[in-house]
C-alpha atoms as a PDB file:
ATOM      1  CA  MET A   1      -9.320  -7.968  39.323  1.00  0.00           C
ATOM      2  CA  THR A   2      -9.983  -5.538  42.149  1.00  0.00           C
ATOM      3  CA  LEU A   3     -10.569  -6.434  45.786  1.00  0.00           C
ATOM      4  CA  THR A   4     -12.146  -3.671  47.885  1.00  0.00           C
ATOM      5  CA  GLY A   5     -13.647  -3.040  51.284  1.00  0.00           C
ATOM      6  CA  ASP A   6     -12.474  -4.340  54.634  1.00  0.00           C
ATOM      7  CA  ASN A   7     -10.722  -7.280  52.991  1.00  0.00           C
ATOM      8  CA  VAL A   8      -7.585  -5.432  51.890  1.00  0.00           C
ATOM      9  CA  PRO A   9      -4.835  -3.498  53.649  1.00  0.00           C
ATOM     10  CA  SER A  10      -5.616   0.179  54.052  1.00  0.00           C
ATOM     11  CA  GLY A  11      -3.523   3.033  52.713  1.00  0.00           C
ATOM     12  CA  GLU A  12      -1.230   3.465  49.743  1.00  0.00           C
ATOM     13  CA  THR A  13       2.044   1.602  50.081  1.00  0.00           C
ATOM     14  CA  SER A  14       4.596   0.199  47.693  1.00  0.00           C
ATOM     15  CA  GLU A  15       4.162  -3.258  49.227  1.00  0.00           C
ATOM     16  CA  ASP A  16       2.280  -6.068  47.535  1.00  0.00           C
ATOM     17  CA  CYS A  17      -1.206  -6.812  48.847  1.00  0.00           C
ATOM     18  CA  THR A  18      -3.500  -9.824  49.159  1.00  0.00           C
ATOM     19  CA  GLY A  19      -6.998 -10.411  50.414  1.00  0.00           C
ATOM     20  CA  TYR A  20      -7.711 -11.522  53.959  1.00  0.00           C
ATOM     21  CA  SER A  21     -10.650 -12.021  56.323  1.00  0.00           C
ATOM     22  CA  GLY A  22     -12.455 -14.540  54.136  1.00  0.00           C
ATOM     23  CA  PHE A  23     -10.762 -13.415  50.925  1.00  0.00           C
ATOM     24  CA  ASP A  24      -7.408 -15.141  51.538  1.00  0.00           C
ATOM     25  CA  ASP A  25      -7.806 -16.999  48.229  1.00  0.00           C
ATOM     26  CA  ILE A  26      -7.498 -13.738  46.301  1.00  0.00           C
ATOM     27  CA  ALA A  27      -3.731 -13.516  46.051  1.00  0.00           C
ATOM     28  CA  LYS A  28      -0.871 -13.881  43.598  1.00  0.00           C
ATOM     29  CA  GLY A  29      -1.147 -17.252  41.875  1.00  0.00           C
ATOM     30  CA  ALA A  30      -4.878 -17.724  42.466  1.00  0.00           C
ATOM     31  CA  GLY A  31      -6.387 -19.759  39.653  1.00  0.00           C
ATOM     32  CA  VAL A  32      -8.281 -18.138  36.796  1.00  0.00           C
ATOM     33  CA  THR A  33     -10.412 -20.461  34.650  1.00  0.00           C
ATOM     34  CA  VAL A  34     -11.929 -19.559  31.278  1.00  0.00           C
ATOM     35  CA  TYR A  35     -14.973 -21.439  29.967  1.00  0.00           C
ATOM     36  CA  ASP A  36     -16.484 -21.271  26.481  1.00  0.00           C
ATOM     37  CA  SER A  37     -20.194 -20.779  25.773  1.00  0.00           C
ATOM     38  CA  ALA A  38     -20.731 -24.562  26.089  1.00  0.00           C
ATOM     39  CA  GLY A  39     -19.300 -24.513  29.625  1.00  0.00           C
ATOM     40  CA  LYS A  40     -16.074 -26.305  28.653  1.00  0.00           C
ATOM     41  CA  VAL A  41     -12.791 -25.212  30.252  1.00  0.00           C
ATOM     42  CA  VAL A  42     -10.712 -23.746  27.424  1.00  0.00           C
ATOM     43  CA  ALA A  43      -7.825 -22.060  29.266  1.00  0.00           C
ATOM     44  CA  THR A  44      -6.405 -21.470  32.715  1.00  0.00           C
ATOM     45  CA  GLY A  45      -4.196 -18.798  34.175  1.00  0.00           C
ATOM     46  CA  SER A  46      -3.583 -16.944  37.398  1.00  0.00           C
ATOM     47  CA  LEU A  47      -3.626 -13.642  39.216  1.00  0.00           C
ATOM     48  CA  GLY A  48      -0.445 -11.609  39.284  1.00  0.00           C
ATOM     49  CA  THR A  49       0.925  -9.641  42.210  1.00  0.00           C
ATOM     50  CA  GLY A  50      -1.647  -7.430  43.939  1.00  0.00           C
ATOM     51  CA  LYS A  51      -0.802  -3.760  44.279  1.00  0.00           C
ATOM     52  CA  PRO A  52      -2.572  -1.306  46.607  1.00  0.00           C
ATOM     53  CA  LYS A  53      -4.523   1.464  44.897  1.00  0.00           C
ATOM     54  CA  SER A  54      -7.106   3.798  46.461  1.00  0.00           C
ATOM     55  CA  ALA A  55      -8.139   1.499  49.338  1.00  0.00           C
ATOM     56  CA  ALA A  56      -8.230  -1.497  47.011  1.00  0.00           C
ATOM     57  CA  CYS A  57      -5.929  -4.300  45.976  1.00  0.00           C
ATOM     58  CA  VAL A  58      -5.593  -4.579  42.177  1.00  0.00           C
ATOM     59  CA  PHE A  59      -4.391  -7.820  40.562  1.00  0.00           C
ATOM     60  CA  PRO A  60      -3.408  -8.299  36.942  1.00  0.00           C
ATOM     61  CA  VAL A  61      -5.095 -11.314  35.317  1.00  0.00           C
ATOM     62  CA  SER A  62      -3.147 -13.470  32.891  1.00  0.00           C
ATOM     63  CA  VAL A  63      -4.671 -16.250  30.795  1.00  0.00           C
ATOM     64  CA  ALA A  64      -2.858 -17.341  27.650  1.00  0.00           C
ATOM     65  CA  GLY A  65      -4.158 -19.486  24.829  1.00  0.00           C
ATOM     66  CA  VAL A  66      -7.877 -18.708  24.918  1.00  0.00           C
ATOM     67  CA  PRO A  67      -9.176 -20.054  21.601  1.00  0.00           C
ATOM     68  CA  GLU A  68     -11.343 -17.872  19.387  1.00  0.00           C
ATOM     69  CA  GLY A  69     -14.774 -18.888  18.172  1.00  0.00           C
ATOM     70  CA  SER A  70     -17.013 -18.967  21.238  1.00  0.00           C
ATOM     71  CA  LYS A  71     -20.102 -16.712  21.359  1.00  0.00           C
ATOM     72  CA  PHE A  72     -19.019 -15.612  24.831  1.00  0.00           C
ATOM     73  CA  TYR A  73     -16.672 -16.680  27.599  1.00  0.00           C
ATOM     74  CA  GLN A  74     -17.029 -17.043  31.331  1.00  0.00           C
ATOM     75  CA  VAL A  75     -14.138 -16.265  33.644  1.00  0.00           C
ATOM     76  CA  GLU A  76     -13.851 -17.534  37.208  1.00  0.00           C
ATOM     77  CA  VAL A  77     -11.253 -16.348  39.712  1.00  0.00           C
ATOM     78  CA  SER A  78     -10.585 -18.935  42.426  1.00  0.00           C
ATOM     79  CA  HIS A  79     -14.040 -20.263  43.385  1.00  0.00           C
ATOM     80  CA  ARG A  80     -15.804 -16.894  43.307  1.00  0.00           C
ATOM     81  CA  GLY A  81     -18.288 -17.518  40.507  1.00  0.00           C
ATOM     82  CA  LYS A  82     -18.242 -16.934  36.781  1.00  0.00           C
ATOM     83  CA  ILE A  83     -18.332 -13.566  35.025  1.00  0.00           C
ATOM     84  CA  THR A  84     -19.477 -13.472  31.410  1.00  0.00           C
ATOM     85  CA  VAL A  85     -17.515 -11.516  28.806  1.00  0.00           C
ATOM     86  CA  SER A  86     -18.304 -11.144  25.116  1.00  0.00           C
ATOM     87  CA  SER A  87     -16.036 -12.583  22.445  1.00  0.00           C
ATOM     88  CA  ALA A  88     -14.949  -9.055  21.489  1.00  0.00           C
ATOM     89  CA  GLU A  89     -14.073  -8.191  25.108  1.00  0.00           C
ATOM     90  CA  ALA A  90     -12.142 -11.438  25.496  1.00  0.00           C
ATOM     91  CA  LYS A  91     -10.234 -10.917  22.253  1.00  0.00           C
ATOM     92  CA  ALA A  92      -9.274  -7.397  23.332  1.00  0.00           C
ATOM     93  CA  GLY A  93      -8.198  -8.640  26.762  1.00  0.00           C
ATOM     94  CA  ARG A  94     -10.887  -6.607  28.499  1.00  0.00           C
ATOM     95  CA  PHE A  95     -11.819  -8.449  31.662  1.00  0.00           C
ATOM     96  CA  ALA A  96     -12.681  -6.611  34.835  1.00  0.00           C
ATOM     97  CA  ALA A  97     -14.058  -7.962  38.072  1.00  0.00           C
ATOM     98  CA  SER A  98     -14.314  -6.788  41.648  1.00  0.00           C
ATOM     99  CA  LEU A  99     -15.052  -8.307  45.040  1.00  0.00           C
ATOM    100  CA  GLY A 100     -15.602  -6.630  48.333  1.00  0.00           C
END
């Protein structure tokens, strides 16, 4: 999960980062919800610690226990809307999203 634009600290530092200015909810511990193709919640997780990278704040996403068998999955970080990923992408752990 990558947060860009004016909503992240500027510059490369070794310090952790979080969103601000309307993106305060994008921070370590923010909820990540996974839905199956029927719209049912099948797993939940959270964002890890944000690290600054090239004028962005990059958060690892961790969701354990997503069951196999859905045609596709939708992933929602905080309340920011759902992003659809294929079953193959989900199985491989390939989820990428950005805001900003």
